[in-house]
Amino acid sequence: MKIPVIKLIASQHSIKELDAAEEAILNEEKPAIQIEGDDEGEQLTHIMAAREIRAQMEKDGIDLNRALRNYTLRVRNSIS
């Protein structure tokens, strides 16, 4: 998981685009949007994280940096 990649994807794509990219990867197809990652698993992780961040931005009316901080905090807490 690469935070700069997630931030870039979340800033450039809508939830609808992220959902379509996730669906493409799950169907072993190439997504319509560019997703960085070493393999399909990492690409899927980036898409899912960006989607969660976008959803929080829209739901709570917060900016990208705050939503990203909230996400990384949840991830850190879940693995510690």
N, C-alpha and C. Protein backbone atom coordinates (compact mmCIF):
# COMPACT_ATOMS: atom_id res chain seq x y z
N MET A 1 0.85 -1.17 0.00
CA MET A 1 0.00 0.00 0.00
C MET A 1 0.90 1.23 0.00
N LYS A 2 0.68 2.09 -0.99
CA LYS A 2 1.48 3.30 -1.14
C LYS A 2 0.56 4.52 -1.00
N ILE A 3 0.75 5.24 0.09
CA ILE A 3 -0.11 6.38 0.40
C ILE A 3 -0.12 7.44 -0.71
N PRO A 4 1.03 7.80 -1.30
CA PRO A 4 0.97 8.81 -2.38
C PRO A 4 0.10 8.36 -3.57
N VAL A 5 0.13 7.08 -3.86
CA VAL A 5 -0.70 6.56 -4.97
C VAL A 5 -2.18 6.67 -4.60
N ILE A 6 -2.51 6.28 -3.38
CA ILE A 6 -3.90 6.36 -2.93
C ILE A 6 -4.39 7.80 -2.96
N LYS A 7 -3.57 8.72 -2.49
CA LYS A 7 -3.95 10.14 -2.48
C LYS A 7 -4.19 10.65 -3.89
N LEU A 8 -3.33 10.28 -4.82
CA LEU A 8 -3.49 10.70 -6.21
C LEU A 8 -4.78 10.16 -6.81
N ILE A 9 -5.02 8.88 -6.61
CA ILE A 9 -6.23 8.26 -7.16
C ILE A 9 -7.48 8.90 -6.55
N ALA A 10 -7.48 9.10 -5.23
CA ALA A 10 -8.63 9.69 -4.56
C ALA A 10 -8.89 11.12 -5.03
N SER A 11 -7.82 11.83 -5.38
CA SER A 11 -7.99 13.22 -5.81
C SER A 11 -8.46 13.34 -7.26
N GLN A 12 -8.21 12.31 -8.06
CA GLN A 12 -8.49 12.41 -9.49
C GLN A 12 -9.74 11.68 -9.98
N HIS A 13 -10.28 10.77 -9.15
CA HIS A 13 -11.36 9.92 -9.66
C HIS A 13 -12.57 9.91 -8.74
N SER A 14 -13.73 9.76 -9.35
CA SER A 14 -14.99 9.71 -8.60
C SER A 14 -15.20 8.30 -8.04
N ILE A 15 -16.16 8.20 -7.14
CA ILE A 15 -16.51 6.89 -6.59
C ILE A 15 -16.97 5.97 -7.71
N LYS A 16 -17.71 6.50 -8.65
CA LYS A 16 -18.21 5.68 -9.77
C LYS A 16 -17.03 5.12 -10.58
N GLU A 17 -16.03 5.94 -10.86
CA GLU A 17 -14.85 5.48 -11.60
C GLU A 17 -14.07 4.43 -10.80
N LEU A 18 -13.97 4.65 -9.50
CA LEU A 18 -13.26 3.70 -8.64
C LEU A 18 -14.00 2.37 -8.56
N ASP A 19 -15.33 2.43 -8.47
CA ASP A 19 -16.12 1.20 -8.47
C ASP A 19 -15.91 0.41 -9.77
N ALA A 20 -15.89 1.12 -10.89
CA ALA A 20 -15.69 0.46 -12.19
C ALA A 20 -14.30 -0.16 -12.28
N ALA A 21 -13.29 0.54 -11.76
CA ALA A 21 -11.93 0.00 -11.77
C ALA A 21 -11.82 -1.23 -10.88
N GLU A 22 -12.46 -1.19 -9.73
CA GLU A 22 -12.46 -2.35 -8.83
C GLU A 22 -13.12 -3.55 -9.52
N GLU A 23 -14.25 -3.32 -10.13
CA GLU A 23 -14.97 -4.38 -10.84
C GLU A 23 -14.11 -4.98 -11.95
N ALA A 24 -13.42 -4.12 -12.70
CA ALA A 24 -12.56 -4.60 -13.79
C ALA A 24 -11.46 -5.52 -13.25
N ILE A 25 -10.80 -5.11 -12.18
CA ILE A 25 -9.73 -5.93 -11.62
C ILE A 25 -10.28 -7.25 -11.10
N LEU A 26 -11.43 -7.21 -10.44
CA LEU A 26 -12.02 -8.44 -9.93
C LEU A 26 -12.42 -9.40 -11.05
N ASN A 27 -12.72 -8.83 -12.22
CA ASN A 27 -13.05 -9.65 -13.40
C ASN A 27 -11.83 -9.95 -14.27
N GLU A 28 -10.65 -9.67 -13.71
CA GLU A 28 -9.38 -9.91 -14.39
C GLU A 28 -9.28 -9.15 -15.71
N GLU A 29 -9.82 -7.92 -15.71
CA GLU A 29 -9.75 -7.03 -16.86
C GLU A 29 -8.89 -5.82 -16.50
N LYS A 30 -8.48 -5.08 -17.51
CA LYS A 30 -7.70 -3.87 -17.27
C LYS A 30 -8.66 -2.72 -16.97
N PRO A 31 -8.44 -2.01 -15.86
CA PRO A 31 -9.33 -0.88 -15.54
C PRO A 31 -9.18 0.26 -16.55
N ALA A 32 -10.23 1.04 -16.68
CA ALA A 32 -10.22 2.17 -17.61
C ALA A 32 -9.34 3.31 -17.12
N ILE A 33 -9.06 3.34 -15.81
CA ILE A 33 -8.20 4.39 -15.25
C ILE A 33 -6.85 3.80 -14.87
N GLN A 34 -5.84 4.65 -14.85
CA GLN A 34 -4.48 4.22 -14.51
C GLN A 34 -4.37 4.04 -13.00
N ILE A 35 -3.96 2.84 -12.58
CA ILE A 35 -3.77 2.54 -11.16
C ILE A 35 -2.37 1.98 -10.99
N GLU A 36 -1.55 2.68 -10.21
CA GLU A 36 -0.20 2.20 -9.93
C GLU A 36 -0.27 1.05 -8.92
N GLY A 37 0.69 0.14 -9.04
CA GLY A 37 0.78 -0.96 -8.09
C GLY A 37 1.64 -2.06 -8.65
N ASP A 38 2.31 -2.79 -7.77
CA ASP A 38 3.22 -3.86 -8.20
C ASP A 38 2.48 -5.03 -8.82
N ASP A 39 1.24 -5.26 -8.39
CA ASP A 39 0.43 -6.35 -8.93
C ASP A 39 -1.04 -6.00 -8.77
N GLU A 40 -1.92 -6.89 -9.21
CA GLU A 40 -3.36 -6.60 -9.14
C GLU A 40 -3.85 -6.47 -7.70
N GLY A 41 -3.24 -7.20 -6.78
CA GLY A 41 -3.63 -7.11 -5.38
C GLY A 41 -3.35 -5.73 -4.81
N GLU A 42 -2.18 -5.19 -5.12
CA GLU A 42 -1.85 -3.86 -4.63
C GLU A 42 -2.71 -2.81 -5.33
N GLN A 43 -2.97 -2.98 -6.61
CA GLN A 43 -3.84 -2.05 -7.31
C GLN A 43 -5.24 -2.05 -6.69
N LEU A 44 -5.73 -3.22 -6.37
CA LEU A 44 -7.05 -3.33 -5.75
C LEU A 44 -7.07 -2.66 -4.39
N THR A 45 -6.00 -2.83 -3.62
CA THR A 45 -5.89 -2.16 -2.32
C THR A 45 -5.93 -0.65 -2.49
N HIS A 46 -5.22 -0.13 -3.47
CA HIS A 46 -5.20 1.31 -3.73
C HIS A 46 -6.59 1.81 -4.11
N ILE A 47 -7.28 1.08 -4.95
CA ILE A 47 -8.62 1.47 -5.39
C ILE A 47 -9.59 1.48 -4.20
N MET A 48 -9.55 0.43 -3.41
CA MET A 48 -10.48 0.32 -2.28
C MET A 48 -10.22 1.42 -1.25
N ALA A 49 -8.97 1.72 -1.00
CA ALA A 49 -8.62 2.79 -0.06
C ALA A 49 -9.08 4.14 -0.60
N ALA A 50 -8.82 4.41 -1.87
CA ALA A 50 -9.22 5.68 -2.48
C ALA A 50 -10.73 5.83 -2.46
N ARG A 51 -11.44 4.74 -2.69
CA ARG A 51 -12.89 4.79 -2.68
C ARG A 51 -13.41 5.12 -1.28
N GLU A 52 -12.83 4.49 -0.27
CA GLU A 52 -13.24 4.77 1.10
C GLU A 52 -12.98 6.23 1.46
N ILE A 53 -11.85 6.74 1.04
CA ILE A 53 -11.50 8.15 1.31
C ILE A 53 -12.48 9.08 0.61
N ARG A 54 -12.76 8.82 -0.67
CA ARG A 54 -13.73 9.66 -1.40
C ARG A 54 -15.10 9.63 -0.75
N ALA A 55 -15.51 8.45 -0.31
CA ALA A 55 -16.82 8.32 0.33
C ALA A 55 -16.88 9.14 1.61
N GLN A 56 -15.83 9.12 2.40
CA GLN A 56 -15.82 9.91 3.63
C GLN A 56 -15.81 11.41 3.32
N MET A 57 -15.07 11.80 2.28
CA MET A 57 -15.05 13.21 1.88
C MET A 57 -16.46 13.68 1.55
N GLU A 58 -17.18 12.90 0.78
CA GLU A 58 -18.53 13.28 0.36
C GLU A 58 -19.52 13.21 1.52
N LYS A 59 -19.42 12.16 2.32
CA LYS A 59 -20.36 11.97 3.42
C LYS A 59 -20.19 13.03 4.51
N ASP A 60 -18.93 13.27 4.90
CA ASP A 60 -18.66 14.16 6.03
C ASP A 60 -18.28 15.58 5.61
N GLY A 61 -18.16 15.81 4.31
CA GLY A 61 -17.81 17.15 3.83
C GLY A 61 -16.42 17.60 4.26
N ILE A 62 -15.46 16.66 4.26
CA ILE A 62 -14.10 17.01 4.68
C ILE A 62 -13.17 16.98 3.48
N ASP A 63 -11.99 17.58 3.64
CA ASP A 63 -11.05 17.63 2.52
C ASP A 63 -10.25 16.32 2.42
N LEU A 64 -9.53 16.21 1.33
CA LEU A 64 -8.78 14.99 1.03
C LEU A 64 -7.76 14.67 2.11
N ASN A 65 -7.00 15.65 2.55
CA ASN A 65 -5.95 15.38 3.54
C ASN A 65 -6.53 14.85 4.85
N ARG A 66 -7.63 15.41 5.29
CA ARG A 66 -8.24 14.93 6.54
C ARG A 66 -8.79 13.52 6.36
N ALA A 67 -9.45 13.26 5.26
CA ALA A 67 -9.99 11.91 5.00
C ALA A 67 -8.86 10.89 4.90
N LEU A 68 -7.75 11.28 4.27
CA LEU A 68 -6.59 10.40 4.16
C LEU A 68 -6.00 10.11 5.54
N ARG A 69 -5.88 11.13 6.37
CA ARG A 69 -5.37 10.93 7.75
C ARG A 69 -6.28 9.99 8.52
N ASN A 70 -7.59 10.18 8.40
CA ASN A 70 -8.54 9.31 9.09
C ASN A 70 -8.38 7.86 8.63
N TYR A 71 -8.21 7.67 7.34
CA TYR A 71 -8.05 6.33 6.80
C TYR A 71 -6.76 5.68 7.31
N THR A 72 -5.64 6.40 7.23
CA THR A 72 -4.37 5.81 7.67
C THR A 72 -4.40 5.52 9.17
N LEU A 73 -5.08 6.34 9.95
CA LEU A 73 -5.21 6.08 11.37
C LEU A 73 -6.00 4.79 11.62
N ARG A 74 -7.08 4.60 10.88
CA ARG A 74 -7.87 3.36 11.02
C ARG A 74 -7.03 2.14 10.65
N VAL A 75 -6.23 2.26 9.59
CA VAL A 75 -5.38 1.14 9.18
C VAL A 75 -4.34 0.84 10.27
N ARG A 76 -3.67 1.88 10.76
CA ARG A 76 -2.67 1.67 11.81
C ARG A 76 -3.27 1.05 13.06
N ASN A 77 -4.44 1.51 13.44
CA ASN A 77 -5.10 0.94 14.63
C ASN A 77 -5.51 -0.50 14.42
N SER A 78 -5.86 -0.86 13.21
CA SER A 78 -6.31 -2.23 12.95
C SER A 78 -5.15 -3.23 12.95
N ILE A 79 -3.93 -2.77 12.70
CA ILE A 79 -2.82 -3.70 12.67
C ILE A 79 -1.95 -3.64 13.92
N SER A 80 -2.30 -2.77 14.86
CA SER A 80 -1.49 -2.72 16.09
C SER A 80 -2.18 -3.41 17.24
